[in-house]
Amino acid sequence: HGFSPRETRALFSSASFLWRRITFLGAALMAAAIFLEIRQRMQSGLLIIRSSKPESWAMEITVTPSSLEIKNGEDCQMLNLPPEVRIVPSSCRGLQYVPGDGLHVRLLVQAGLNTKSVSPLEDSLKSKKSCTFYCQSCGESIIKDRTFLRVLSLPGENWNDLVEEWCCHPNPFNSRLLHPQNNDCFLGHNYFLVNSGSESTVSSSELLHSLSQGEASGNCGSVLNSKANSRVICKRCKTLLGEALSTGVTKYYFTELLVEPSEESFNAIPRSLFIQSIVAQCLLELSSARSTFRFSIQGTEGTTYILVWLLNSDTLLMQSSGNAASNNGFTFFEHGVTSNSESSEVKNAIKVLYHPCIKSRNKELVDVWENDFGVHPLTFPSKTCLELLLILAQSNASLPPSLRCMNSFEVAFLKM
């Protein structure tokens, strides 16, 4: 049940930072999961305390700037905040119990966290140091020891169509294409172009022959170029990496390659975390550069997989998973990563609304968005689109039930 503002002020004393004892239908303490969503620009936070086995209990909660302590009799659970995040205890308000979620509290949070995300590709390439490109899925070396003297950003996809609006004479760029030379790398929003003249590739007619020889010798090279469909795939794991253009230029997708300095070895990053970080950075850059917040995620075959609406870009997520064996507790931890109930994990994230569009779902909305100039299409390999959809669905399912939907859209977070 909710409390009036007067009752809330009585419950939270700024002098003692102590929440008074409250009795209501709740859950067993030691299985409690804690979720904190922070908006850095607004310095506000939503705290949810949830547990797994409903029963009647009285609990005492103590809020200090650096910690959150929950007591139930002799049982005690502590959540320590990182130094960059501080709660303002006297600001706690809107205390209410939401069935299925747990205890909701809104409060002021002072946060200046800048957690490390996957290193942007552009920074690595512009260092003018020798780099090696790896298949992010399996770690196979794709391009070895390449140094780019020019790393340039490409204009928008439809730039050539707009030239006639800029010029009072015939289009001077009709016969000129933006193709990188040997030491060039051109960056799009979700892909990059390199000259493939020095790369080891095989034609479609040599593909099967090379595979059979490679199986016998154990040395297949790193990239297969299939002329029939212009796809570039990893020889080891068969992941689609990009496209081989007819002009001797190879197009690679950011989501498929990891760039490391040549003197360093392959740094394995969980696939889910890598996709989230790359896609989140792409959405942030496009929203900043073009003031567009709606995106159509499409596969290389032209199928629309997801409609995405960027909602917040200044979110911090902090969570303690509580009892990992609980089926009802929610968590945002990477698969295979465990947590300590006395510590917290903090992640920069973006908050998105999305609609899945596979198997003709939301077809009418897809048709509307495709004809809307305010929607920006983004193309990724079809397998990556499905991986992204699974990541969004898992994030949505892990949220407290009351936060999973908004205006017919599903809600999810992409961590950076």
Foldseek 3Di string as FASTA:
>chain_A
DWDDQVVVLVQADLVQQWGDKDKDWAADPLQKKWKWKAFQVVQKIKIFIHGFHTDIFIWIWGFFQFKIWIDGPPDIFIEGHPPQKTWNSSFWHGWDQDPLTGTIIMGGMHGDDDDDAADDPLVLQVVQFFKWKAFQVPGHTFRGGAGAPEEEEDDDPCVQVCVVVVDPDPRPCPPPDDADDQRYWYDYLFKIKHQCPPGDEDEQVCVVVLVVVCVVVVDSHFWYQYPVFQWIAGPPPRHTAFGQDPVRMTMGGQLTIDMDRNVDGDDRDPSQLSLLRSVLVSQVVCCVVPVFFWEFEAEPVGDTFKIKGFDFQRMKMKMQQRDPPRPSTFDDDDPPDHDDSNYMDIFRKTKMWMDGQPPNPPVVVVVVLVPDPSYYYDYDHPVSSVSVVVSQVSQLVRDRVVQQDDPNTGMGIRTD
